[in-house]
Amino acid sequence: MKRYSKGARGERELLNFLYSKGYSVMRAAGSGVNSLGPDIIAFKEGTGLAFECKAWNKTSISIEAEKIEKLKQWESNTRMHTFIAWRMNGSGWFFISLDEMNRTTEYYTVTRRNALSINRKVDDILGIR
């Protein structure tokens, strides 16, 4: 349960931050349980953003291929920019587009080093139109 509560806390942190920046935001029902869509969606001035949130203090994250494929379908259907939002302890949030994830047989992965190299922070995604 510790992992779930940490993840839910991270989701609420991002949700509240986006709200403070004037976005209309929603945390998905069943977030962390089902794989039908992203954890958070945010709208402002006709632009939509979607986030699958991870608050893991590891050297990489791996997400089941089926989950990423469903998120890619979500992104295609909604035309919303969809990101993996990775909260790293002491470093804040990093945002990885779905196409930046590396595919293995069963998972899509991104390493901490790669996420730091991409270096897409919250200010970068708020300017997306």
C-alpha atoms as a PDB file:
ATOM      1  CA  MET A   1       0.000   0.000   0.000  1.00  0.00           C
ATOM      2  CA  LYS A   2       2.955   2.321   0.535  1.00  0.00           C
ATOM      3  CA  ARG A   3       3.669   2.512  -3.218  1.00  0.00           C
ATOM      4  CA  TYR A   4       0.010   3.341  -3.969  1.00  0.00           C
ATOM      5  CA  SER A   5      -0.155   6.118  -1.368  1.00  0.00           C
ATOM      6  CA  LYS A   6       3.134   7.619  -2.591  1.00  0.00           C
ATOM      7  CA  GLY A   7       1.862   7.523  -6.174  1.00  0.00           C
ATOM      8  CA  ALA A   8      -1.509   9.014  -5.232  1.00  0.00           C
ATOM      9  CA  ARG A   9       0.258  11.767  -3.278  1.00  0.00           C
ATOM     10  CA  GLY A  10       2.417  12.529  -6.332  1.00  0.00           C
ATOM     11  CA  GLU A  11      -0.638  12.642  -8.579  1.00  0.00           C
ATOM     12  CA  ARG A  12      -2.380  15.074  -6.239  1.00  0.00           C
ATOM     13  CA  GLU A  13       0.774  17.223  -6.106  1.00  0.00           C
ATOM     14  CA  LEU A  14       0.876  17.515  -9.902  1.00  0.00           C
ATOM     15  CA  LEU A  15      -2.895  18.027 -10.100  1.00  0.00           C
ATOM     16  CA  ASN A  16      -2.780  20.880  -7.559  1.00  0.00           C
ATOM     17  CA  PHE A  17       0.194  22.489  -9.308  1.00  0.00           C
ATOM     18  CA  LEU A  18      -1.585  22.445 -12.684  1.00  0.00           C
ATOM     19  CA  TYR A  19      -4.709  23.861 -11.050  1.00  0.00           C
ATOM     20  CA  SER A  20      -2.628  26.683  -9.538  1.00  0.00           C
ATOM     21  CA  LYS A  21      -1.489  27.532 -13.091  1.00  0.00           C
ATOM     22  CA  GLY A  22      -5.072  27.970 -14.256  1.00  0.00           C
ATOM     23  CA  TYR A  23      -5.729  24.516 -15.705  1.00  0.00           C
ATOM     24  CA  SER A  24      -8.997  22.667 -15.261  1.00  0.00           C
ATOM     25  CA  VAL A  25      -7.795  19.304 -13.981  1.00  0.00           C
ATOM     26  CA  MET A  26      -9.146  15.878 -13.194  1.00  0.00           C
ATOM     27  CA  ARG A  27      -7.646  12.781 -11.629  1.00  0.00           C
ATOM     28  CA  ALA A  28      -9.034   9.670 -13.277  1.00  0.00           C
ATOM     29  CA  ALA A  29     -11.275   7.390 -11.267  1.00  0.00           C
ATOM     30  CA  GLY A  30      -9.464   4.107 -10.693  1.00  0.00           C
ATOM     31  CA  SER A  31      -6.119   5.762 -11.301  1.00  0.00           C
ATOM     32  CA  GLY A  32      -3.443   3.211 -10.568  1.00  0.00           C
ATOM     33  CA  VAL A  33      -5.916   0.342 -10.890  1.00  0.00           C
ATOM     34  CA  ASN A  34      -7.109   0.187 -14.481  1.00  0.00           C
ATOM     35  CA  SER A  35      -5.208   0.851 -17.658  1.00  0.00           C
ATOM     36  CA  LEU A  36      -7.905   2.515 -19.738  1.00  0.00           C
ATOM     37  CA  GLY A  37      -6.458   6.025 -19.722  1.00  0.00           C
ATOM     38  CA  PRO A  38      -4.051   8.436 -18.047  1.00  0.00           C
ATOM     39  CA  ASP A  39      -3.950   9.313 -14.348  1.00  0.00           C
ATOM     40  CA  ILE A  40      -4.494  13.066 -14.837  1.00  0.00           C
ATOM     41  CA  ILE A  41      -5.969  15.200 -17.578  1.00  0.00           C
ATOM     42  CA  ALA A  42      -5.633  18.968 -17.693  1.00  0.00           C
ATOM     43  CA  PHE A  43      -7.218  21.577 -19.970  1.00  0.00           C
ATOM     44  CA  LYS A  44      -6.559  25.247 -20.551  1.00  0.00           C
ATOM     45  CA  GLU A  45      -7.610  27.493 -23.418  1.00  0.00           C
ATOM     46  CA  GLY A  46      -8.433  24.599 -25.744  1.00  0.00           C
ATOM     47  CA  THR A  47      -5.259  22.646 -25.036  1.00  0.00           C
ATOM     48  CA  GLY A  48      -5.358  19.291 -23.309  1.00  0.00           C
ATOM     49  CA  LEU A  49      -2.539  17.479 -21.544  1.00  0.00           C
ATOM     50  CA  ALA A  50      -2.603  13.941 -20.164  1.00  0.00           C
ATOM     51  CA  PHE A  51      -0.260  12.329 -17.657  1.00  0.00           C
ATOM     52  CA  GLU A  52       0.572   8.844 -16.488  1.00  0.00           C
ATOM     53  CA  CYS A  53       2.286   9.570 -13.171  1.00  0.00           C
ATOM     54  CA  LYS A  54       5.140   7.664 -11.569  1.00  0.00           C
ATOM     55  CA  ALA A  55       6.790   8.625  -8.286  1.00  0.00           C
ATOM     56  CA  TRP A  56       9.561   6.057  -8.215  1.00  0.00           C
ATOM     57  CA  ASN A  57      13.015   6.546  -6.789  1.00  0.00           C
ATOM     58  CA  LYS A  58      14.700   4.048  -9.101  1.00  0.00           C
ATOM     59  CA  THR A  59      17.255   4.135 -11.900  1.00  0.00           C
ATOM     60  CA  SER A  60      14.549   3.378 -14.479  1.00  0.00           C
ATOM     61  CA  ILE A  61      10.833   2.899 -14.863  1.00  0.00           C
ATOM     62  CA  SER A  62       9.141   0.162 -16.836  1.00  0.00           C
ATOM     63  CA  ILE A  63       5.483   0.206 -17.799  1.00  0.00           C
ATOM     64  CA  GLU A  64       3.635  -2.707 -19.328  1.00  0.00           C
ATOM     65  CA  ALA A  65       3.534  -2.490 -23.123  1.00  0.00           C
ATOM     66  CA  GLU A  66      -0.252  -2.893 -23.107  1.00  0.00           C
ATOM     67  CA  LYS A  67      -0.608   0.196 -20.870  1.00  0.00           C
ATOM     68  CA  ILE A  68       1.574   2.350 -23.137  1.00  0.00           C
ATOM     69  CA  GLU A  69      -0.253   1.112 -26.238  1.00  0.00           C
ATOM     70  CA  LYS A  70      -3.560   2.141 -24.631  1.00  0.00           C
ATOM     71  CA  LEU A  71      -2.088   5.542 -23.780  1.00  0.00           C
ATOM     72  CA  LYS A  72      -0.925   5.934 -27.394  1.00  0.00           C
ATOM     73  CA  GLN A  73      -4.461   5.127 -28.529  1.00  0.00           C
ATOM     74  CA  TRP A  74      -5.773   7.705 -26.020  1.00  0.00           C
ATOM     75  CA  GLU A  75      -3.345  10.292 -27.405  1.00  0.00           C
ATOM     76  CA  SER A  76      -4.418   9.522 -30.987  1.00  0.00           C
ATOM     77  CA  ASN A  77      -8.141   9.610 -30.168  1.00  0.00           C
ATOM     78  CA  THR A  78      -8.045  12.799 -28.096  1.00  0.00           C
ATOM     79  CA  ARG A  79      -5.117  14.592 -29.762  1.00  0.00           C
ATOM     80  CA  MET A  80      -3.983  15.466 -26.235  1.00  0.00           C
ATOM     81  CA  HIS A  81      -0.245  15.584 -25.589  1.00  0.00           C
ATOM     82  CA  THR A  82       0.320  12.576 -23.337  1.00  0.00           C
ATOM     83  CA  PHE A  83       3.332  12.187 -21.056  1.00  0.00           C
ATOM     84  CA  ILE A  84       4.846   9.900 -18.498  1.00  0.00           C
ATOM     85  CA  ALA A  85       5.272  12.252 -15.532  1.00  0.00           C
ATOM     86  CA  TRP A  86       8.141  10.918 -13.401  1.00  0.00           C
ATOM     87  CA  ARG A  87       8.667  12.512 -10.004  1.00  0.00           C
ATOM     88  CA  MET A  88      12.239  11.913  -8.884  1.00  0.00           C
ATOM     89  CA  ASN A  89      13.086  12.472  -5.245  1.00  0.00           C
ATOM     90  CA  GLY A  90      15.010  15.717  -4.874  1.00  0.00           C
ATOM     91  CA  SER A  91      14.793  16.559  -8.586  1.00  0.00           C
ATOM     92  CA  GLY A  92      11.105  17.236  -9.186  1.00  0.00           C
ATOM     93  CA  TRP A  93       9.019  16.225 -12.178  1.00  0.00           C
ATOM     94  CA  PHE A  94      10.316  15.100 -15.562  1.00  0.00           C
ATOM     95  CA  PHE A  95       8.021  14.562 -18.547  1.00  0.00           C
ATOM     96  CA  ILE A  96       8.701  11.912 -21.167  1.00  0.00           C
ATOM     97  CA  SER A  97       6.595  11.630 -24.304  1.00  0.00           C
ATOM     98  CA  LEU A  98       5.330   8.159 -25.131  1.00  0.00           C
ATOM     99  CA  ASP A  99       7.529   7.980 -28.236  1.00  0.00           C
ATOM    100  CA  GLU A 100      10.618   8.599 -26.096  1.00  0.00           C
ATOM    101  CA  MET A 101      10.085   5.362 -24.180  1.00  0.00           C
ATOM    102  CA  ASN A 102      12.194   2.365 -25.244  1.00  0.00           C
ATOM    103  CA  ARG A 103      10.244  -0.772 -26.171  1.00  0.00           C
ATOM    104  CA  THR A 104      11.254  -4.196 -24.934  1.00  0.00           C
ATOM    105  CA  THR A 105       9.255  -7.368 -25.398  1.00  0.00           C
ATOM    106  CA  GLU A 106       6.899  -6.774 -22.483  1.00  0.00           C
ATOM    107  CA  TYR A 107       7.567  -3.204 -21.359  1.00  0.00           C
ATOM    108  CA  TYR A 108       8.311   0.343 -22.338  1.00  0.00           C
ATOM    109  CA  THR A 109      11.169   1.747 -20.275  1.00  0.00           C
ATOM    110  CA  VAL A 110      13.061   4.942 -19.662  1.00  0.00           C
ATOM    111  CA  THR A 111      16.186   5.312 -17.565  1.00  0.00           C
ATOM    112  CA  ARG A 112      16.804   8.106 -15.098  1.00  0.00           C
ATOM    113  CA  ARG A 113      19.799   9.144 -17.204  1.00  0.00           C
ATOM    114  CA  ASN A 114      17.643   9.398 -20.337  1.00  0.00           C
ATOM    115  CA  ALA A 115      14.905  11.331 -18.525  1.00  0.00           C
ATOM    116  CA  LEU A 116      17.504  13.760 -17.177  1.00  0.00           C
ATOM    117  CA  SER A 117      18.964  14.084 -20.679  1.00  0.00           C
ATOM    118  CA  ILE A 118      15.537  14.865 -22.164  1.00  0.00           C
ATOM    119  CA  ASN A 119      15.182  17.364 -19.286  1.00  0.00           C
ATOM    120  CA  ARG A 120      11.570  18.262 -20.021  1.00  0.00           C
ATOM    121  CA  LYS A 121      10.280  20.029 -16.951  1.00  0.00           C
ATOM    122  CA  VAL A 122       6.852  21.385 -16.071  1.00  0.00           C
ATOM    123  CA  ASP A 123       7.542  24.848 -17.547  1.00  0.00           C
ATOM    124  CA  ASP A 124       8.326  23.182 -20.882  1.00  0.00           C
ATOM    125  CA  ILE A 125       5.006  21.356 -21.084  1.00  0.00           C
ATOM    126  CA  LEU A 126       2.882  24.305 -19.939  1.00  0.00           C
ATOM    127  CA  GLY A 127       3.853  26.162 -23.130  1.00  0.00           C
ATOM    128  CA  ILE A 128       2.584  23.388 -25.432  1.00  0.00           C
ATOM    129  CA  ARG A 129      -0.193  24.481 -27.751  1.00  0.00           C
END
